[in-house]
Amino acid sequence: MEPGKSQDSAPPILMQEVAVGSLQDPTTLVLDNVNWTVNSAEFWVVAGLQGSGKSDFLMMTAGLMAPLRGRYRFFNEEMPILDEDLLPVRLRLGLVFESGQLFNHLTVSENLGLPLRYHHNLTKADAAPAVQQMLDEMELGPWADSTPGALGTNWHKRVGLARALMLKPEVLLVDNALSGLDLRHIFWWLDLLERLSRPGNFVRNEPLTLVVTASDLRPWVGRARQFAILKKQQMAVVGDSAQLEAARDDLVGELLARAPHNG
């Protein structure tokens, strides 16, 4: 087996008794005893109220920090992945930050081309066709030569999503996807992520495995296929849409009662 290659049968995400710290202070406990399996092609929404630890949890899932304790394996490799030989495994994961985290001194096109130039050692000219294709797919053409500072939140977040898709990840993590978006853009994101969860999307032939965090469950019912709730430093796996609707938990009810435009 080649270095960095995992068994095909391994789930993309497997957490056993994981404790999650805060990204600002990794010694501060945010979540405890997380037992969670994400299989290929699943579409998860992990929801919770503000301050429940959604972003910290997703950053740990992305490998930006290690669990405080417990075991987290990504395609059968221990996370966080720091070994250069395992970089191909790490690049099977894409992350979309809530704020985009774009490079303000680069144009939109340059931000999209950066992952290809850095990880695939492509020249700007070599990366240009893939960048143009992504600009077209994401309706970003009019802003190709603009810098992020010239964009509003709606388009800034979309560029962050586009950049995360440039390396064609198998697993995509999206932090608070709908926060701060206008209604038209909310529906665009919902439709786009649902497309990515299906076979034959514009990124890969097979469905992407998706994990999205949210503070409002309503927009995701009928689109996402698996749901979990963060509350009181615990993750509660709810199940599919039918199980979500049947859940009697007070927090589930509150998250389902929120207006869709609240993100």
Protein backbone atom coordinates (compact mmCIF):
# COMPACT_ATOMS: atom_id res chain seq x y z
CA MET A 1 0.00 0.00 0.00
CA GLU A 2 1.37 3.44 -0.97
CA PRO A 3 2.33 5.86 1.81
CA GLY A 4 -0.65 7.87 2.96
CA LYS A 5 -3.19 5.58 1.31
CA SER A 6 -5.88 4.23 3.61
CA GLN A 7 -8.09 1.23 3.19
CA ASP A 8 -11.11 2.00 1.03
CA SER A 9 -13.39 0.57 3.70
CA ALA A 10 -12.25 3.08 6.36
CA PRO A 11 -14.81 5.81 7.13
CA PRO A 12 -13.64 9.34 6.35
CA ILE A 13 -14.21 10.43 9.97
CA LEU A 14 -14.08 8.22 13.06
CA MET A 15 -14.03 9.74 16.55
CA GLN A 16 -13.88 7.67 19.71
CA GLU A 17 -14.19 9.30 23.17
CA VAL A 18 -12.86 12.56 21.74
CA ALA A 19 -12.59 15.71 23.85
CA VAL A 20 -12.45 19.02 21.97
CA GLY A 21 -10.69 22.16 23.17
CA SER A 22 -11.16 25.77 22.19
CA LEU A 23 -9.17 27.02 19.22
CA GLN A 24 -8.31 30.17 21.20
CA ASP A 25 -7.31 28.15 24.27
CA PRO A 26 -6.82 24.46 23.42
CA THR A 27 -6.72 23.54 27.12
CA THR A 28 -10.32 24.73 27.63
CA LEU A 29 -12.82 21.89 27.24
CA VAL A 30 -15.60 22.60 24.73
CA LEU A 31 -16.96 19.11 24.01
CA ASP A 32 -16.38 15.77 25.68
CA ASN A 33 -16.92 12.08 24.91
CA VAL A 34 -17.63 12.56 21.21
CA ASN A 35 -18.29 9.25 19.47
CA TRP A 36 -19.08 9.91 15.84
CA THR A 37 -18.68 8.14 12.52
CA VAL A 38 -19.08 9.82 9.15
CA ASN A 39 -19.25 7.45 6.21
CA SER A 40 -18.50 8.31 2.60
CA ALA A 41 -21.17 10.36 0.78
CA GLU A 42 -23.03 11.31 3.96
CA PHE A 43 -24.34 14.86 4.36
CA TRP A 44 -24.26 15.96 8.00
CA VAL A 45 -25.46 19.11 9.69
CA VAL A 46 -24.05 19.65 13.17
CA ALA A 47 -26.18 22.29 14.89
CA GLY A 48 -26.07 24.17 18.15
CA LEU A 49 -26.76 27.51 19.74
CA GLN A 50 -24.14 30.25 19.76
CA GLY A 51 -21.32 29.26 22.10
CA SER A 52 -22.00 25.54 21.81
CA GLY A 53 -18.58 24.88 20.26
CA LYS A 54 -19.55 24.35 16.62
CA SER A 55 -16.57 26.18 15.14
CA ASP A 56 -14.08 24.69 17.59
CA PHE A 57 -15.42 21.23 16.81
CA LEU A 58 -15.14 21.78 13.06
CA MET A 59 -11.59 23.19 13.34
CA MET A 60 -10.54 20.10 15.28
CA THR A 61 -12.26 17.92 12.66
CA ALA A 62 -10.28 19.78 10.01
CA GLY A 63 -7.04 18.96 11.80
CA LEU A 64 -6.17 22.52 12.86
CA MET A 65 -5.76 21.30 16.43
CA ALA A 66 -5.49 17.95 18.14
CA PRO A 67 -8.17 16.43 20.38
CA LEU A 68 -7.56 16.97 24.08
CA ARG A 69 -7.98 13.22 24.44
CA GLY A 70 -9.53 10.31 22.62
CA ARG A 71 -8.91 9.06 19.12
CA TYR A 72 -9.75 10.75 15.83
CA ARG A 73 -8.91 9.01 12.56
CA PHE A 74 -9.39 10.49 9.10
CA PHE A 75 -9.44 7.78 6.43
CA ASN A 76 -7.72 5.57 9.00
CA GLU A 77 -4.92 8.06 9.73
CA GLU A 78 -4.51 9.77 13.10
CA MET A 79 -5.47 13.44 13.08
CA PRO A 80 -4.06 16.01 13.02
CA ILE A 81 -1.97 14.89 10.06
CA LEU A 82 1.44 16.58 10.26
CA ASP A 83 3.64 14.09 8.39
CA GLU A 84 4.57 15.38 4.93
CA ASP A 85 4.32 11.84 3.59
CA LEU A 86 0.63 11.86 4.53
CA LEU A 87 -0.15 15.18 2.84
CA PRO A 88 -2.15 13.40 0.08
CA VAL A 89 -4.48 12.10 2.79
CA ARG A 90 -4.79 15.54 4.37
CA LEU A 91 -5.68 17.05 0.99
CA ARG A 92 -8.69 14.75 0.74
CA LEU A 93 -10.31 17.27 3.11
CA GLY A 94 -11.46 20.79 2.28
CA LEU A 95 -12.42 23.44 4.83
CA VAL A 96 -14.59 26.53 4.39
CA PHE A 97 -14.15 29.08 7.18
CA GLU A 98 -17.16 31.14 8.24
CA SER A 99 -15.34 34.35 7.36
CA GLY A 100 -13.72 33.00 4.19
CA GLN A 101 -10.16 33.59 5.46
CA LEU A 102 -9.06 34.92 2.07
CA PHE A 103 -5.76 36.63 1.33
CA ASN A 104 -6.67 40.29 1.00
CA HIS A 105 -3.63 41.18 -1.11
CA LEU A 106 -4.61 38.65 -3.78
CA THR A 107 -7.43 38.91 -6.31
CA VAL A 108 -10.29 36.43 -6.32
CA SER A 109 -8.62 34.52 -9.18
CA GLU A 110 -5.31 34.46 -7.35
CA ASN A 111 -6.98 33.20 -4.16
CA LEU A 112 -8.54 30.34 -6.15
CA GLY A 113 -5.31 29.49 -7.90
CA LEU A 114 -3.22 29.47 -4.74
CA PRO A 115 -4.00 25.86 -3.64
CA LEU A 116 -3.08 24.56 -7.10
CA ARG A 117 0.12 26.57 -7.27
CA TYR A 118 1.18 25.66 -3.73
CA HIS A 119 0.25 21.98 -3.57
CA HIS A 120 0.55 21.00 -7.24
CA ASN A 121 3.44 23.35 -8.07
CA LEU A 122 1.57 24.84 -11.05
CA THR A 123 2.39 28.15 -12.67
CA LYS A 124 -0.27 30.83 -12.82
CA ALA A 125 -0.81 30.01 -16.50
CA ASP A 126 -1.08 26.28 -15.80
CA ALA A 127 -3.67 26.87 -13.09
CA ALA A 128 -5.70 29.35 -15.14
CA PRO A 129 -8.08 26.86 -16.87
CA ALA A 130 -9.13 25.26 -13.57
CA VAL A 131 -9.51 28.70 -11.98
CA GLN A 132 -11.69 29.90 -14.85
CA GLN A 133 -13.86 26.81 -14.65
CA MET A 134 -14.42 27.39 -10.93
CA LEU A 135 -15.17 31.08 -11.49
CA ASP A 136 -17.82 30.08 -14.02
CA GLU A 137 -19.36 27.35 -11.86
CA MET A 138 -19.56 29.64 -8.83
CA GLU A 139 -20.76 32.71 -10.78
CA LEU A 140 -17.70 34.65 -9.65
CA GLY A 141 -16.50 35.88 -13.04
CA PRO A 142 -17.37 39.56 -12.50
CA TRP A 143 -15.18 39.61 -9.37
CA ALA A 144 -12.22 37.67 -10.77
CA ASP A 145 -9.87 40.66 -10.66
CA SER A 146 -11.25 42.17 -7.44
CA THR A 147 -9.59 41.79 -4.07
CA PRO A 148 -11.61 40.40 -1.14
CA GLY A 149 -11.89 43.83 0.48
CA ALA A 150 -14.10 44.93 -2.41
CA LEU A 151 -16.58 42.09 -1.85
CA GLY A 152 -19.57 41.95 0.44
CA THR A 153 -20.19 39.02 2.79
CA ASN A 154 -22.27 37.09 0.25
CA TRP A 155 -19.51 36.92 -2.33
CA HIS A 156 -16.65 36.77 0.15
CA LYS A 157 -18.04 33.53 1.59
CA ARG A 158 -18.61 32.12 -1.87
CA VAL A 159 -14.97 32.70 -2.81
CA GLY A 160 -13.97 30.82 0.34
CA LEU A 161 -16.11 27.89 -0.77
CA ALA A 162 -14.68 28.00 -4.28
CA ARG A 163 -11.11 27.99 -2.97
CA ALA A 164 -11.84 24.96 -0.77
CA LEU A 165 -13.11 23.07 -3.83
CA MET A 166 -10.09 23.76 -6.04
CA LEU A 167 -8.22 20.62 -4.98
CA LYS A 168 -11.36 18.47 -5.46
CA PRO A 169 -11.64 17.22 -1.88
CA GLU A 170 -13.55 14.08 -0.99
CA VAL A 171 -14.67 15.56 2.35
CA LEU A 172 -15.86 19.15 2.69
CA LEU A 173 -16.31 20.89 6.06
CA VAL A 174 -18.28 24.16 6.06
CA ASP A 175 -18.47 26.36 9.15
CA ASN A 176 -21.75 28.26 9.61
CA ALA A 177 -22.45 28.17 5.90
CA LEU A 178 -25.50 30.43 5.90
CA SER A 179 -24.53 33.04 8.48
CA GLY A 180 -24.68 36.62 7.25
CA LEU A 181 -26.12 35.75 3.84
CA ASP A 182 -29.00 37.37 1.98
CA LEU A 183 -31.95 35.11 1.25
CA ARG A 184 -31.06 34.62 -2.42
CA HIS A 185 -27.56 33.54 -1.49
CA ILE A 186 -28.88 31.21 1.21
CA PHE A 187 -30.85 29.29 -1.39
CA TRP A 188 -27.84 29.27 -3.72
CA TRP A 189 -25.71 27.66 -1.00
CA LEU A 190 -28.38 25.12 -0.11
CA ASP A 191 -28.77 24.11 -3.76
CA LEU A 192 -25.01 24.01 -4.38
CA LEU A 193 -24.23 21.85 -1.35
CA GLU A 194 -27.06 19.50 -2.22
CA ARG A 195 -25.60 19.17 -5.73
CA LEU A 196 -22.18 18.37 -4.26
CA SER A 197 -23.77 15.62 -2.16
CA ARG A 198 -25.01 13.87 -5.31
CA PRO A 199 -23.11 11.85 -7.93
CA GLY A 200 -21.86 13.60 -11.05
CA ASN A 201 -21.32 17.03 -9.50
CA PHE A 202 -18.88 19.48 -11.10
CA VAL A 203 -16.12 18.73 -8.55
CA ARG A 204 -16.01 14.93 -8.56
CA ASN A 205 -17.87 12.08 -10.21
CA GLU A 206 -18.83 10.68 -6.82
CA PRO A 207 -20.69 12.57 -4.08
CA LEU A 208 -18.68 14.65 -1.65
CA THR A 209 -18.92 13.82 2.04
CA LEU A 210 -20.28 16.97 3.68
CA VAL A 211 -20.26 18.26 7.26
CA VAL A 212 -21.87 21.66 7.81
CA THR A 213 -22.35 23.54 11.08
CA ALA A 214 -25.45 25.64 11.69
CA SER A 215 -27.43 27.42 14.38
CA ASP A 216 -30.71 26.89 12.52
CA LEU A 217 -31.89 23.48 11.36
CA ARG A 218 -34.89 24.53 9.27
CA PRO A 219 -33.10 25.31 6.00
CA TRP A 220 -31.41 21.91 6.05
CA VAL A 221 -34.43 19.65 6.56
CA GLY A 222 -35.02 17.78 3.32
CA ARG A 223 -31.51 18.59 2.06
CA ALA A 224 -29.01 17.24 4.59
CA ARG A 225 -29.38 13.56 5.42
CA GLN A 226 -27.85 13.20 8.89
CA PHE A 227 -28.10 15.50 11.91
CA ALA A 228 -26.32 15.97 15.24
CA ILE A 229 -26.77 18.51 18.03
CA LEU A 230 -24.15 20.09 20.27
CA LYS A 231 -25.35 20.96 23.76
CA LYS A 232 -23.92 21.04 27.28
CA GLN A 233 -20.46 19.97 26.03
CA GLN A 234 -21.90 16.86 24.40
CA MET A 235 -22.69 15.74 20.85
CA ALA A 236 -26.07 14.07 20.44
CA VAL A 237 -26.44 12.18 17.16
CA VAL A 238 -30.08 12.56 16.13
CA GLY A 239 -30.19 10.63 12.86
CA ASP A 240 -31.98 11.31 9.58
CA SER A 241 -34.66 13.89 8.77
CA ALA A 242 -37.51 11.72 10.01
CA GLN A 243 -35.75 11.15 13.33
CA LEU A 244 -35.01 14.87 13.56
CA GLU A 245 -38.67 15.77 13.10
CA ALA A 246 -39.67 13.16 15.69
CA ALA A 247 -37.13 14.30 18.28
CA ARG A 248 -38.66 15.72 21.46
CA ASP A 249 -35.54 17.45 22.72
CA ASP A 250 -36.14 21.09 23.65
CA LEU A 251 -33.01 22.24 21.85
CA VAL A 252 -33.99 20.44 18.64
CA GLY A 253 -37.33 22.22 18.79
CA GLU A 254 -35.65 25.58 19.31
CA LEU A 255 -33.23 25.04 16.43
CA LEU A 256 -36.13 24.03 14.18
CA ALA A 257 -38.13 27.10 15.17
CA ARG A 258 -35.53 29.65 14.10
CA ALA A 259 -36.04 31.69 10.96
CA PRO A 260 -34.05 30.37 7.96
CA HIS A 261 -32.29 33.68 7.28
CA ASN A 262 -30.60 33.61 10.68
CA GLY A 263 -28.02 31.09 9.42
